[in-house]
Amino acid sequence: MSPNACWLCKIFRAEENGISSKLSLEEVLQWSQSFENLVTSKYGPVIYKTYLKTEHSDENIEFWLACEAYKKITSQRKRISMARKLFTSYIQPQAPNEINIDSPARKEIIRNIQEPTQSCFDEAQRIIYRHMERDSYPRFLESQFYQKLKHSLQTNGN
């Protein structure tokens, strides 16, 4: 797809260095099969985050992706550092990107943050995943954002 032919390309050229030109119709269609397909695909999280910015809820996918990265950390020193960053950015009250989780999940993280384990944020991550899957994902699929992207790829035979 030509970067000049797609309204979405202007967004991605500025933000993501032309990702829309690398998208395949097959990948974009798979996103509508399940939320899991969207968040585990190559470009789905980036596209979904761009959509969530329009809803002012991109902190959800950012937190979910940060948790995925956090679980892969093997160094205890790095885990502690990353856990503190996740806590101050997303969990603590009035955090700059505070996520919407229930009080028991927040309290559990506060208890475990001193010696964080690999699963320290699992419950909060599950809550955010469910929020996105049940709430913003169906709107994403119905949005002009997704529909125009899909249509653009269909008409350009990409």
N, C-alpha and C. Protein backbone atom coordinates (compact mmCIF):
# COMPACT_ATOMS: atom_id res chain seq x y z
N MET A 1 0.85 -1.17 0.00
CA MET A 1 0.00 0.00 0.00
C MET A 1 0.89 1.23 0.00
N SER A 2 0.56 2.18 -0.82
CA SER A 2 1.31 3.42 -0.90
C SER A 2 1.08 4.26 0.35
N PRO A 3 2.15 4.76 0.97
CA PRO A 3 1.97 5.58 2.17
C PRO A 3 1.09 6.81 1.92
N ASN A 4 1.07 7.32 0.70
CA ASN A 4 0.25 8.49 0.41
C ASN A 4 -1.22 8.13 0.22
N ALA A 5 -1.52 6.86 -0.02
CA ALA A 5 -2.90 6.45 -0.31
C ALA A 5 -3.71 6.17 0.95
N CYS A 6 -3.09 6.09 2.07
CA CYS A 6 -3.78 5.64 3.28
C CYS A 6 -3.81 6.76 4.32
N TRP A 7 -5.00 7.09 4.81
CA TRP A 7 -5.14 8.11 5.85
C TRP A 7 -4.42 7.72 7.12
N LEU A 8 -4.32 6.41 7.36
CA LEU A 8 -3.68 5.92 8.57
C LEU A 8 -2.16 6.04 8.47
N CYS A 9 -1.65 6.02 7.26
CA CYS A 9 -0.20 6.06 7.07
C CYS A 9 0.42 7.32 7.66
N LYS A 10 -0.29 8.43 7.57
CA LYS A 10 0.25 9.68 8.11
C LYS A 10 0.49 9.53 9.61
N ILE A 11 -0.44 8.88 10.29
CA ILE A 11 -0.28 8.66 11.72
C ILE A 11 0.93 7.77 11.97
N PHE A 12 1.02 6.67 11.24
CA PHE A 12 2.10 5.71 11.50
C PHE A 12 3.45 6.21 11.03
N ARG A 13 3.47 7.00 9.96
CA ARG A 13 4.74 7.52 9.49
C ARG A 13 5.35 8.39 10.59
N ALA A 14 4.51 9.17 11.24
CA ALA A 14 5.00 10.03 12.31
C ALA A 14 5.32 9.22 13.56
N GLU A 15 4.47 8.25 13.89
CA GLU A 15 4.61 7.55 15.17
C GLU A 15 5.39 6.25 15.07
N GLU A 16 5.20 5.51 14.01
CA GLU A 16 5.73 4.13 14.00
C GLU A 16 6.54 3.80 12.75
N ASN A 17 7.01 4.80 12.05
CA ASN A 17 7.89 4.60 10.89
C ASN A 17 7.32 3.68 9.82
N GLY A 18 6.09 3.93 9.42
CA GLY A 18 5.52 3.24 8.27
C GLY A 18 5.02 1.84 8.50
N ILE A 19 4.58 1.51 9.69
CA ILE A 19 4.09 0.16 9.97
C ILE A 19 2.93 -0.21 9.05
N SER A 20 2.08 0.77 8.74
CA SER A 20 0.90 0.44 7.93
C SER A 20 1.28 -0.13 6.57
N SER A 21 2.44 0.23 6.05
CA SER A 21 2.85 -0.31 4.75
C SER A 21 3.31 -1.77 4.89
N LYS A 22 3.52 -2.24 6.10
CA LYS A 22 3.96 -3.61 6.34
C LYS A 22 2.81 -4.54 6.72
N LEU A 23 1.64 -3.97 6.94
CA LEU A 23 0.48 -4.77 7.33
C LEU A 23 -0.03 -5.62 6.19
N SER A 24 -0.48 -6.81 6.52
CA SER A 24 -1.14 -7.63 5.51
C SER A 24 -2.63 -7.69 5.83
N LEU A 25 -3.42 -7.86 4.80
CA LEU A 25 -4.86 -7.99 4.99
C LEU A 25 -5.14 -9.21 5.89
N GLU A 26 -4.40 -10.28 5.69
CA GLU A 26 -4.60 -11.50 6.49
C GLU A 26 -4.44 -11.21 7.98
N GLU A 27 -3.38 -10.48 8.34
CA GLU A 27 -3.17 -10.16 9.76
C GLU A 27 -4.32 -9.31 10.30
N VAL A 28 -4.71 -8.29 9.55
CA VAL A 28 -5.78 -7.39 9.99
C VAL A 28 -7.11 -8.13 10.14
N LEU A 29 -7.40 -9.06 9.24
CA LEU A 29 -8.64 -9.84 9.34
C LEU A 29 -8.60 -10.79 10.55
N GLN A 30 -7.43 -11.32 10.86
CA GLN A 30 -7.30 -12.22 12.01
C GLN A 30 -7.62 -11.51 13.32
N TRP A 31 -7.40 -10.20 13.36
CA TRP A 31 -7.68 -9.46 14.58
C TRP A 31 -9.15 -9.54 14.96
N SER A 32 -10.02 -9.67 13.97
CA SER A 32 -11.45 -9.72 14.27
C SER A 32 -11.88 -11.10 14.79
N GLN A 33 -11.02 -12.09 14.69
CA GLN A 33 -11.35 -13.44 15.17
C GLN A 33 -11.30 -13.55 16.68
N SER A 34 -10.33 -12.85 17.29
CA SER A 34 -10.23 -12.86 18.75
C SER A 34 -9.33 -11.73 19.21
N PHE A 35 -9.57 -11.32 20.44
CA PHE A 35 -8.72 -10.29 21.04
C PHE A 35 -7.29 -10.80 21.17
N GLU A 36 -7.16 -12.07 21.50
CA GLU A 36 -5.83 -12.69 21.61
C GLU A 36 -5.05 -12.55 20.30
N ASN A 37 -5.72 -12.77 19.16
CA ASN A 37 -5.05 -12.61 17.87
C ASN A 37 -4.54 -11.18 17.68
N LEU A 38 -5.31 -10.23 18.15
CA LEU A 38 -4.92 -8.83 18.00
C LEU A 38 -3.67 -8.53 18.83
N VAL A 39 -3.71 -8.86 20.12
CA VAL A 39 -2.60 -8.45 21.00
C VAL A 39 -1.34 -9.29 20.84
N THR A 40 -1.45 -10.46 20.21
CA THR A 40 -0.26 -11.29 20.03
C THR A 40 0.29 -11.24 18.61
N SER A 41 -0.35 -10.48 17.74
CA SER A 41 0.15 -10.37 16.36
C SER A 41 1.31 -9.38 16.30
N LYS A 42 1.96 -9.34 15.16
CA LYS A 42 3.14 -8.50 15.02
C LYS A 42 2.81 -7.02 15.17
N TYR A 43 1.81 -6.55 14.45
CA TYR A 43 1.50 -5.12 14.45
C TYR A 43 0.21 -4.76 15.18
N GLY A 44 -0.55 -5.75 15.61
CA GLY A 44 -1.81 -5.49 16.29
C GLY A 44 -1.70 -4.58 17.50
N PRO A 45 -0.75 -4.84 18.41
CA PRO A 45 -0.66 -3.98 19.59
C PRO A 45 -0.40 -2.50 19.26
N VAL A 46 0.40 -2.26 18.23
CA VAL A 46 0.70 -0.87 17.84
C VAL A 46 -0.54 -0.20 17.26
N ILE A 47 -1.26 -0.91 16.41
CA ILE A 47 -2.48 -0.36 15.81
C ILE A 47 -3.53 -0.15 16.90
N TYR A 48 -3.69 -1.13 17.77
CA TYR A 48 -4.68 -1.05 18.85
C TYR A 48 -4.34 0.10 19.79
N LYS A 49 -3.08 0.28 20.09
CA LYS A 49 -2.67 1.40 20.95
C LYS A 49 -3.03 2.73 20.30
N THR A 50 -2.81 2.84 19.01
CA THR A 50 -3.16 4.06 18.30
C THR A 50 -4.65 4.32 18.41
N TYR A 51 -5.46 3.27 18.26
CA TYR A 51 -6.90 3.41 18.44
C TYR A 51 -7.23 3.82 19.87
N LEU A 52 -6.62 3.15 20.84
CA LEU A 52 -6.92 3.45 22.25
C LEU A 52 -6.58 4.89 22.61
N LYS A 53 -5.60 5.46 21.92
CA LYS A 53 -5.28 6.88 22.16
C LYS A 53 -6.49 7.75 21.85
N THR A 54 -7.28 7.35 20.85
CA THR A 54 -8.46 8.14 20.51
C THR A 54 -9.52 8.05 21.60
N GLU A 55 -9.46 6.98 22.40
CA GLU A 55 -10.39 6.79 23.53
C GLU A 55 -9.76 7.22 24.86
N HIS A 56 -8.55 7.72 24.79
CA HIS A 56 -7.82 8.13 25.99
C HIS A 56 -7.67 6.97 26.99
N SER A 57 -7.39 5.78 26.44
CA SER A 57 -7.19 4.62 27.32
C SER A 57 -6.01 3.76 26.88
N ASP A 58 -5.02 4.39 26.24
CA ASP A 58 -3.86 3.63 25.77
C ASP A 58 -2.99 3.11 26.91
N GLU A 59 -3.21 3.60 28.14
CA GLU A 59 -2.45 3.08 29.28
C GLU A 59 -2.74 1.59 29.49
N ASN A 60 -3.91 1.13 29.06
CA ASN A 60 -4.25 -0.29 29.24
C ASN A 60 -3.32 -1.20 28.43
N ILE A 61 -3.18 -0.93 27.15
CA ILE A 61 -2.31 -1.79 26.33
C ILE A 61 -0.85 -1.58 26.71
N GLU A 62 -0.49 -0.36 27.08
CA GLU A 62 0.89 -0.11 27.52
C GLU A 62 1.21 -0.95 28.76
N PHE A 63 0.28 -0.97 29.72
CA PHE A 63 0.49 -1.75 30.94
C PHE A 63 0.56 -3.24 30.60
N TRP A 64 -0.37 -3.72 29.78
CA TRP A 64 -0.40 -5.14 29.43
C TRP A 64 0.92 -5.56 28.76
N LEU A 65 1.39 -4.75 27.82
CA LEU A 65 2.65 -5.06 27.13
C LEU A 65 3.84 -4.98 28.09
N ALA A 66 3.82 -4.00 28.99
CA ALA A 66 4.90 -3.89 29.98
C ALA A 66 4.93 -5.12 30.88
N CYS A 67 3.76 -5.63 31.23
CA CYS A 67 3.69 -6.86 32.05
C CYS A 67 4.25 -8.05 31.29
N GLU A 68 3.97 -8.13 30.00
CA GLU A 68 4.53 -9.22 29.20
C GLU A 68 6.05 -9.15 29.21
N ALA A 69 6.61 -7.96 29.08
CA ALA A 69 8.06 -7.79 29.13
C ALA A 69 8.60 -8.10 30.53
N TYR A 70 7.87 -7.66 31.53
CA TYR A 70 8.28 -7.87 32.93
C TYR A 70 8.42 -9.37 33.24
N LYS A 71 7.50 -10.17 32.77
CA LYS A 71 7.53 -11.61 33.05
C LYS A 71 8.76 -12.30 32.47
N LYS A 72 9.40 -11.68 31.50
CA LYS A 72 10.57 -12.28 30.85
C LYS A 72 11.88 -11.90 31.54
N ILE A 73 11.81 -11.00 32.51
CA ILE A 73 13.03 -10.55 33.20
C ILE A 73 13.52 -11.66 34.12
N THR A 74 14.79 -11.99 34.01
CA THR A 74 15.36 -13.04 34.85
C THR A 74 16.22 -12.49 35.98
N SER A 75 16.77 -11.32 35.81
CA SER A 75 17.61 -10.71 36.83
C SER A 75 16.73 -10.10 37.94
N GLN A 76 16.99 -10.48 39.18
CA GLN A 76 16.22 -9.94 40.31
C GLN A 76 16.37 -8.43 40.41
N ARG A 77 17.58 -7.93 40.16
CA ARG A 77 17.83 -6.49 40.23
C ARG A 77 16.98 -5.75 39.19
N LYS A 78 16.95 -6.26 37.97
CA LYS A 78 16.16 -5.65 36.91
C LYS A 78 14.66 -5.79 37.19
N ARG A 79 14.28 -6.93 37.76
CA ARG A 79 12.86 -7.15 38.09
C ARG A 79 12.40 -6.11 39.13
N ILE A 80 13.20 -5.86 40.14
CA ILE A 80 12.86 -4.88 41.17
C ILE A 80 12.72 -3.50 40.55
N SER A 81 13.65 -3.15 39.70
CA SER A 81 13.61 -1.84 39.06
C SER A 81 12.36 -1.68 38.18
N MET A 82 12.09 -2.69 37.38
CA MET A 82 10.93 -2.64 36.49
C MET A 82 9.63 -2.66 37.30
N ALA A 83 9.58 -3.43 38.36
CA ALA A 83 8.38 -3.48 39.21
C ALA A 83 8.08 -2.11 39.78
N ARG A 84 9.10 -1.42 40.23
CA ARG A 84 8.90 -0.06 40.77
C ARG A 84 8.39 0.89 39.69
N LYS A 85 8.94 0.76 38.48
CA LYS A 85 8.48 1.61 37.37
C LYS A 85 7.01 1.33 37.05
N LEU A 86 6.65 0.05 36.99
CA LEU A 86 5.25 -0.31 36.72
C LEU A 86 4.34 0.23 37.82
N PHE A 87 4.79 0.10 39.05
CA PHE A 87 3.98 0.58 40.18
C PHE A 87 3.77 2.09 40.10
N THR A 88 4.86 2.83 39.92
CA THR A 88 4.73 4.30 39.92
C THR A 88 4.03 4.83 38.67
N SER A 89 4.13 4.11 37.57
CA SER A 89 3.48 4.58 36.35
C SER A 89 2.01 4.20 36.24
N TYR A 90 1.64 3.00 36.76
CA TYR A 90 0.30 2.47 36.50
C TYR A 90 -0.54 2.11 37.73
N ILE A 91 0.09 1.78 38.84
CA ILE A 91 -0.65 1.18 39.95
C ILE A 91 -0.95 2.16 41.08
N GLN A 92 0.04 2.91 41.51
CA GLN A 92 -0.17 3.76 42.69
C GLN A 92 -1.27 4.78 42.41
N PRO A 93 -2.01 5.14 43.45
CA PRO A 93 -3.05 6.16 43.27
C PRO A 93 -2.45 7.45 42.68
N GLN A 94 -3.16 8.01 41.74
CA GLN A 94 -2.73 9.23 41.04
C GLN A 94 -1.50 9.02 40.15
N ALA A 95 -1.21 7.77 39.78
CA ALA A 95 -0.10 7.50 38.86
C ALA A 95 -0.37 8.21 37.53
N PRO A 96 0.67 8.60 36.82
CA PRO A 96 0.46 9.33 35.56
C PRO A 96 -0.37 8.55 34.53
N ASN A 97 -0.27 7.22 34.55
CA ASN A 97 -1.02 6.37 33.62
C ASN A 97 -1.83 5.35 34.41
N GLU A 98 -2.46 5.80 35.47
CA GLU A 98 -3.16 4.89 36.38
C GLU A 98 -4.19 4.04 35.64
N ILE A 99 -4.13 2.73 35.90
CA ILE A 99 -5.07 1.80 35.30
C ILE A 99 -6.23 1.55 36.25
N ASN A 100 -7.31 1.06 35.71
CA ASN A 100 -8.52 0.81 36.49
C ASN A 100 -8.54 -0.64 36.97
N ILE A 101 -8.03 -0.85 38.19
CA ILE A 101 -8.07 -2.18 38.80
C ILE A 101 -8.76 -2.06 40.15
N ASP A 102 -9.24 -3.20 40.64
CA ASP A 102 -9.95 -3.17 41.92
C ASP A 102 -8.97 -3.06 43.09
N SER A 103 -9.52 -2.68 44.22
CA SER A 103 -8.73 -2.45 45.43
C SER A 103 -7.96 -3.70 45.89
N PRO A 104 -8.57 -4.88 45.90
CA PRO A 104 -7.80 -6.07 46.32
C PRO A 104 -6.57 -6.33 45.44
N ALA A 105 -6.69 -6.14 44.14
CA ALA A 105 -5.54 -6.35 43.25
C ALA A 105 -4.46 -5.32 43.53
N ARG A 106 -4.86 -4.08 43.73
CA ARG A 106 -3.91 -3.00 44.03
C ARG A 106 -3.19 -3.29 45.36
N LYS A 107 -3.95 -3.69 46.37
CA LYS A 107 -3.36 -3.98 47.68
C LYS A 107 -2.39 -5.16 47.62
N GLU A 108 -2.72 -6.16 46.81
CA GLU A 108 -1.83 -7.31 46.66
C GLU A 108 -0.49 -6.88 46.06
N ILE A 109 -0.53 -6.01 45.06
CA ILE A 109 0.71 -5.51 44.45
C ILE A 109 1.50 -4.71 45.48
N ILE A 110 0.82 -3.87 46.23
CA ILE A 110 1.51 -3.07 47.25
C ILE A 110 2.21 -3.97 48.26
N ARG A 111 1.56 -5.07 48.64
CA ARG A 111 2.18 -6.03 49.57
C ARG A 111 3.40 -6.71 48.96
N ASN A 112 3.33 -7.01 47.68
CA ASN A 112 4.38 -7.80 47.03
C ASN A 112 5.49 -6.97 46.38
N ILE A 113 5.33 -5.68 46.32
CA ILE A 113 6.28 -4.84 45.57
C ILE A 113 7.67 -4.81 46.20
N GLN A 114 7.78 -5.06 47.49
CA GLN A 114 9.09 -5.02 48.14
C GLN A 114 10.01 -6.13 47.64
N GLU A 115 9.43 -7.30 47.40
CA GLU A 115 10.19 -8.41 46.81
C GLU A 115 9.36 -8.98 45.67
N PRO A 116 9.38 -8.28 44.55
CA PRO A 116 8.50 -8.67 43.44
C PRO A 116 8.90 -9.99 42.79
N THR A 117 7.90 -10.77 42.51
CA THR A 117 8.11 -12.03 41.79
C THR A 117 7.71 -11.84 40.33
N GLN A 118 7.94 -12.86 39.54
CA GLN A 118 7.58 -12.82 38.13
C GLN A 118 6.08 -12.64 37.94
N SER A 119 5.30 -13.11 38.90
CA SER A 119 3.84 -13.06 38.78
C SER A 119 3.20 -11.91 39.57
N CYS A 120 4.00 -10.99 40.03
CA CYS A 120 3.54 -9.90 40.89
C CYS A 120 2.37 -9.11 40.29
N PHE A 121 2.35 -8.93 38.98
CA PHE A 121 1.34 -8.10 38.33
C PHE A 121 0.29 -8.92 37.57
N ASP A 122 0.33 -10.25 37.73
CA ASP A 122 -0.56 -11.11 36.95
C ASP A 122 -2.04 -10.79 37.10
N GLU A 123 -2.50 -10.60 38.33
CA GLU A 123 -3.92 -10.33 38.53
C GLU A 123 -4.32 -9.00 37.91
N ALA A 124 -3.51 -7.98 38.09
CA ALA A 124 -3.80 -6.67 37.47
C ALA A 124 -3.79 -6.79 35.95
N GLN A 125 -2.86 -7.56 35.42
CA GLN A 125 -2.79 -7.76 33.98
C GLN A 125 -4.04 -8.47 33.47
N ARG A 126 -4.50 -9.48 34.21
CA ARG A 126 -5.74 -10.19 33.82
C ARG A 126 -6.94 -9.24 33.80
N ILE A 127 -7.02 -8.39 34.83
CA ILE A 127 -8.13 -7.43 34.91
C ILE A 127 -8.11 -6.49 33.71
N ILE A 128 -6.95 -5.97 33.38
CA ILE A 128 -6.83 -5.03 32.26
C ILE A 128 -7.12 -5.74 30.93
N TYR A 129 -6.65 -6.96 30.79
CA TYR A 129 -6.93 -7.74 29.58
C TYR A 129 -8.44 -7.88 29.40
N ARG A 130 -9.14 -8.27 30.48
CA ARG A 130 -10.60 -8.42 30.41
C ARG A 130 -11.28 -7.09 30.08
N HIS A 131 -10.81 -6.00 30.69
CA HIS A 131 -11.38 -4.68 30.36
C HIS A 131 -11.28 -4.41 28.86
N MET A 132 -10.08 -4.63 28.33
CA MET A 132 -9.88 -4.35 26.90
C MET A 132 -10.71 -5.29 26.04
N GLU A 133 -10.69 -6.58 26.36
CA GLU A 133 -11.39 -7.58 25.57
C GLU A 133 -12.90 -7.33 25.54
N ARG A 134 -13.46 -6.97 26.67
CA ARG A 134 -14.93 -6.81 26.76
C ARG A 134 -15.40 -5.42 26.40
N ASP A 135 -14.55 -4.43 26.54
CA ASP A 135 -14.99 -3.05 26.40
C ASP A 135 -14.47 -2.39 25.11
N SER A 136 -13.18 -2.12 25.05
CA SER A 136 -12.67 -1.36 23.91
C SER A 136 -12.46 -2.19 22.65
N TYR A 137 -12.17 -3.49 22.78
CA TYR A 137 -11.96 -4.34 21.60
C TYR A 137 -13.20 -4.39 20.70
N PRO A 138 -14.41 -4.63 21.23
CA PRO A 138 -15.57 -4.61 20.33
C PRO A 138 -15.77 -3.25 19.64
N ARG A 139 -15.49 -2.17 20.36
CA ARG A 139 -15.59 -0.84 19.74
C ARG A 139 -14.53 -0.65 18.66
N PHE A 140 -13.33 -1.18 18.91
CA PHE A 140 -12.26 -1.12 17.93
C PHE A 140 -12.69 -1.78 16.62
N LEU A 141 -13.27 -2.99 16.73
CA LEU A 141 -13.69 -3.71 15.52
C LEU A 141 -14.77 -2.97 14.74
N GLU A 142 -15.63 -2.24 15.44
CA GLU A 142 -16.71 -1.49 14.79
C GLU A 142 -16.28 -0.08 14.37
N SER A 143 -15.12 0.34 14.81
CA SER A 143 -14.69 1.71 14.58
C SER A 143 -14.35 1.99 13.11
N GLN A 144 -14.48 3.24 12.74
CA GLN A 144 -14.03 3.67 11.41
C GLN A 144 -12.54 3.42 11.27
N PHE A 145 -11.82 3.55 12.34
CA PHE A 145 -10.38 3.33 12.37
C PHE A 145 -10.04 1.95 11.79
N TYR A 146 -10.64 0.90 12.36
CA TYR A 146 -10.38 -0.47 11.91
C TYR A 146 -11.01 -0.72 10.54
N GLN A 147 -12.23 -0.26 10.35
CA GLN A 147 -12.93 -0.50 9.09
C GLN A 147 -12.20 0.14 7.91
N LYS A 148 -11.71 1.35 8.10
CA LYS A 148 -10.97 2.02 7.01
C LYS A 148 -9.65 1.32 6.73
N LEU A 149 -8.99 0.86 7.76
CA LEU A 149 -7.74 0.13 7.58
C LEU A 149 -7.99 -1.15 6.78
N LYS A 150 -8.99 -1.89 7.19
CA LYS A 150 -9.34 -3.15 6.51
C LYS A 150 -9.73 -2.87 5.04
N HIS A 151 -10.57 -1.88 4.84
CA HIS A 151 -11.01 -1.53 3.49
C HIS A 151 -9.83 -1.08 2.61
N SER A 152 -8.95 -0.29 3.19
CA SER A 152 -7.79 0.18 2.44
C SER A 152 -6.92 -0.99 1.98
N LEU A 153 -6.72 -1.96 2.85
CA LEU A 153 -5.92 -3.13 2.48
C LEU A 153 -6.65 -4.00 1.46
N GLN A 154 -7.98 -4.11 1.57
CA GLN A 154 -8.75 -4.90 0.62
C GLN A 154 -8.72 -4.27 -0.77
N THR A 155 -8.85 -2.96 -0.84
CA THR A 155 -8.89 -2.31 -2.16
C THR A 155 -7.51 -2.21 -2.80
N ASN A 156 -6.46 -2.24 -1.99
CA ASN A 156 -5.13 -2.18 -2.54
C ASN A 156 -4.52 -3.56 -2.77
N GLY A 157 -5.28 -4.61 -2.45
CA GLY A 157 -4.82 -5.97 -2.69
C GLY A 157 -3.57 -6.32 -1.93
N ASN A 158 -3.38 -5.70 -0.78
CA ASN A 158 -2.16 -5.93 0.01
C ASN A 158 -2.36 -7.14 0.88
